[in-house]
Each structure stands twice: as structure tokens, then as C-alpha cells.
Amino acid sequence: MSVSATSPNLSAPFQIEAGLIVFTRDGHAQFGWRDLATGLFHSEADGNAILDAVAAIEFDSDITH
């Protein structure tokens, strides 16, 4: 799912993929995103690949951070 987003630094809206909550094999969950080219999930906190991801669900909020 892609959503429209706006930025105070850009003059036009742009499309982004919805954020994800990624679940790992050891039961942890973290916010992340999926690289559409490689299919790998990445942590939103540091950008590193989440290699032990087992599932993800979309997270869409009307509040930006």
C-alpha cells in the first residue's frame, strides 16, 4: 500500500510505502520498511537489514514524527 505524504521542505506531495511493524524470529517487533528491490526488511531506527524477520504488518498513522 502506498500513501500520499507531504513535507514542509517539498512543494508537492509524494508517494511512499506504508510503514511496517516487523516481527523477528525471537519475538521482537520494530518499526521498519521493505526495500522493494531486494525484498529485505530494514529497521527504521538505524536502517540496517532485519535478517531474521518472519512477518510484517502495515502501520499507517495520521501523525508524523
N, C-alpha and C. Protein backbone atom coordinates (compact mmCIF):
# COMPACT_ATOMS: atom_id res chain seq x y z
N MET A 1 0.84 -1.16 0.00
CA MET A 1 0.00 0.00 0.00
C MET A 1 0.89 1.23 0.00
N SER A 2 0.60 2.17 -0.84
CA SER A 2 1.34 3.43 -0.79
C SER A 2 0.40 4.51 -0.29
N VAL A 3 0.97 5.49 0.35
CA VAL A 3 0.19 6.59 0.90
C VAL A 3 0.79 7.89 0.40
N SER A 4 -0.03 8.93 0.36
CA SER A 4 0.47 10.25 -0.02
C SER A 4 1.07 10.90 1.21
N ALA A 5 2.13 11.62 1.01
CA ALA A 5 2.79 12.31 2.11
C ALA A 5 3.14 13.72 1.66
N THR A 6 3.28 14.59 2.62
CA THR A 6 3.73 15.94 2.32
C THR A 6 4.91 16.26 3.22
N SER A 7 5.72 17.15 2.77
CA SER A 7 6.89 17.56 3.53
C SER A 7 6.96 19.08 3.53
N PRO A 8 7.32 19.69 4.67
CA PRO A 8 7.45 21.14 4.66
C PRO A 8 8.59 21.63 3.75
N ASN A 9 9.50 20.71 3.39
CA ASN A 9 10.63 21.09 2.54
C ASN A 9 10.37 20.90 1.05
N LEU A 10 9.29 20.22 0.71
CA LEU A 10 8.97 19.95 -0.69
C LEU A 10 7.68 20.66 -1.05
N SER A 11 7.56 21.07 -2.29
CA SER A 11 6.38 21.83 -2.70
C SER A 11 5.23 20.95 -3.19
N ALA A 12 5.50 19.66 -3.44
CA ALA A 12 4.45 18.79 -3.96
C ALA A 12 4.36 17.51 -3.13
N PRO A 13 3.16 16.94 -3.00
CA PRO A 13 3.02 15.66 -2.30
C PRO A 13 3.78 14.57 -3.04
N PHE A 14 4.14 13.50 -2.34
CA PHE A 14 4.85 12.39 -2.96
C PHE A 14 4.32 11.08 -2.40
N GLN A 15 4.54 9.99 -3.10
CA GLN A 15 4.06 8.68 -2.69
C GLN A 15 5.15 7.93 -1.93
N ILE A 16 4.78 7.33 -0.80
CA ILE A 16 5.69 6.47 -0.05
C ILE A 16 4.96 5.19 0.29
N GLU A 17 5.71 4.14 0.55
CA GLU A 17 5.10 2.91 1.02
C GLU A 17 4.71 3.07 2.48
N ALA A 18 3.66 2.38 2.90
CA ALA A 18 3.24 2.43 4.29
C ALA A 18 4.35 1.86 5.17
N GLY A 19 4.47 2.39 6.38
CA GLY A 19 5.44 1.85 7.32
C GLY A 19 5.01 0.45 7.76
N LEU A 20 5.96 -0.27 8.31
CA LEU A 20 5.69 -1.64 8.74
C LEU A 20 6.08 -1.84 10.19
N ILE A 21 5.40 -2.75 10.83
CA ILE A 21 5.87 -3.30 12.09
C ILE A 21 6.41 -4.68 11.73
N VAL A 22 7.70 -4.88 11.94
CA VAL A 22 8.39 -6.10 11.53
C VAL A 22 8.61 -6.98 12.76
N PHE A 23 8.23 -8.25 12.65
CA PHE A 23 8.40 -9.21 13.73
C PHE A 23 9.58 -10.12 13.42
N THR A 24 10.40 -10.38 14.43
CA THR A 24 11.58 -11.22 14.24
C THR A 24 11.36 -12.60 14.86
N ARG A 25 12.23 -13.51 14.51
CA ARG A 25 12.15 -14.89 14.96
C ARG A 25 12.14 -15.00 16.48
N ASP A 26 12.84 -14.11 17.17
CA ASP A 26 12.91 -14.18 18.64
C ASP A 26 11.77 -13.43 19.33
N GLY A 27 10.76 -13.00 18.59
CA GLY A 27 9.56 -12.41 19.16
C GLY A 27 9.58 -10.89 19.33
N HIS A 28 10.62 -10.22 18.88
CA HIS A 28 10.67 -8.77 18.96
C HIS A 28 9.92 -8.14 17.79
N ALA A 29 9.49 -6.91 18.01
CA ALA A 29 8.81 -6.15 16.96
C ALA A 29 9.47 -4.78 16.89
N GLN A 30 9.59 -4.27 15.67
CA GLN A 30 10.16 -2.93 15.50
C GLN A 30 9.59 -2.28 14.25
N PHE A 31 9.61 -0.96 14.24
CA PHE A 31 9.17 -0.24 13.05
C PHE A 31 10.21 -0.42 11.96
N GLY A 32 9.74 -0.57 10.74
CA GLY A 32 10.67 -0.76 9.64
C GLY A 32 10.04 -0.47 8.29
N TRP A 33 10.77 -0.79 7.26
CA TRP A 33 10.33 -0.60 5.88
C TRP A 33 10.93 -1.72 5.05
N ARG A 34 10.36 -1.94 3.87
CA ARG A 34 10.83 -3.01 2.99
C ARG A 34 11.43 -2.43 1.73
N ASP A 35 12.63 -2.87 1.41
CA ASP A 35 13.29 -2.48 0.16
C ASP A 35 12.63 -3.26 -0.96
N LEU A 36 11.92 -2.57 -1.84
CA LEU A 36 11.19 -3.26 -2.90
C LEU A 36 12.11 -3.93 -3.91
N ALA A 37 13.34 -3.45 -4.03
CA ALA A 37 14.29 -4.05 -4.98
C ALA A 37 14.85 -5.38 -4.46
N THR A 38 15.15 -5.44 -3.16
CA THR A 38 15.77 -6.65 -2.60
C THR A 38 14.79 -7.52 -1.83
N GLY A 39 13.67 -6.94 -1.39
CA GLY A 39 12.71 -7.68 -0.58
C GLY A 39 13.08 -7.74 0.90
N LEU A 40 14.21 -7.16 1.28
CA LEU A 40 14.64 -7.20 2.68
C LEU A 40 13.92 -6.14 3.50
N PHE A 41 13.67 -6.48 4.76
CA PHE A 41 13.12 -5.52 5.71
C PHE A 41 14.27 -4.79 6.39
N HIS A 42 14.08 -3.49 6.66
CA HIS A 42 15.11 -2.67 7.30
C HIS A 42 14.52 -1.96 8.50
N SER A 43 15.34 -1.79 9.52
CA SER A 43 14.93 -1.10 10.73
C SER A 43 14.79 0.39 10.46
N GLU A 44 13.72 0.98 10.95
CA GLU A 44 13.56 2.42 10.81
C GLU A 44 14.55 3.16 11.70
N ALA A 45 14.94 2.54 12.81
CA ALA A 45 15.83 3.20 13.77
C ALA A 45 17.23 3.43 13.21
N ASP A 46 17.80 2.41 12.54
CA ASP A 46 19.18 2.55 12.08
C ASP A 46 19.39 2.19 10.61
N GLY A 47 18.36 1.73 9.93
CA GLY A 47 18.46 1.41 8.51
C GLY A 47 19.08 0.06 8.19
N ASN A 48 19.52 -0.67 9.23
CA ASN A 48 20.12 -1.99 8.99
C ASN A 48 19.07 -3.01 8.60
N ALA A 49 19.47 -3.98 7.80
CA ALA A 49 18.57 -5.06 7.39
C ALA A 49 18.19 -5.90 8.61
N ILE A 50 16.94 -6.32 8.65
CA ILE A 50 16.44 -7.21 9.71
C ILE A 50 16.46 -8.61 9.11
N LEU A 51 17.54 -9.34 9.33
CA LEU A 51 17.75 -10.61 8.65
C LEU A 51 16.89 -11.75 9.19
N ASP A 52 16.41 -11.64 10.44
CA ASP A 52 15.60 -12.72 11.00
C ASP A 52 14.11 -12.38 11.03
N ALA A 53 13.67 -11.51 10.10
CA ALA A 53 12.26 -11.13 10.02
C ALA A 53 11.43 -12.33 9.58
N VAL A 54 10.30 -12.51 10.26
CA VAL A 54 9.40 -13.61 9.91
C VAL A 54 8.03 -13.13 9.46
N ALA A 55 7.68 -11.89 9.79
CA ALA A 55 6.38 -11.35 9.40
C ALA A 55 6.41 -9.83 9.52
N ALA A 56 5.46 -9.19 8.85
CA ALA A 56 5.32 -7.74 8.95
C ALA A 56 3.88 -7.37 8.67
N ILE A 57 3.42 -6.32 9.33
CA ILE A 57 2.09 -5.78 9.07
C ILE A 57 2.23 -4.29 8.79
N GLU A 58 1.32 -3.76 7.98
CA GLU A 58 1.36 -2.34 7.63
C GLU A 58 0.95 -1.50 8.83
N PHE A 59 1.59 -0.36 8.96
CA PHE A 59 1.27 0.59 10.01
C PHE A 59 1.11 1.94 9.33
N ASP A 60 -0.07 2.51 9.45
CA ASP A 60 -0.34 3.79 8.81
C ASP A 60 -0.94 4.71 9.87
N SER A 61 -0.30 5.82 10.10
CA SER A 61 -0.74 6.74 11.13
C SER A 61 -1.02 8.10 10.53
N ASP A 62 -1.93 8.82 11.15
CA ASP A 62 -2.18 10.17 10.67
C ASP A 62 -1.31 11.18 11.41
N ILE A 63 -0.38 10.68 12.22
CA ILE A 63 0.56 11.53 12.95
C ILE A 63 1.96 11.24 12.44
N THR A 64 2.70 12.27 12.03
CA THR A 64 4.05 12.08 11.56
C THR A 64 5.02 12.38 12.67
N HIS A 65 6.21 11.80 12.55
CA HIS A 65 7.25 12.04 13.56
C HIS A 65 8.57 12.28 12.91
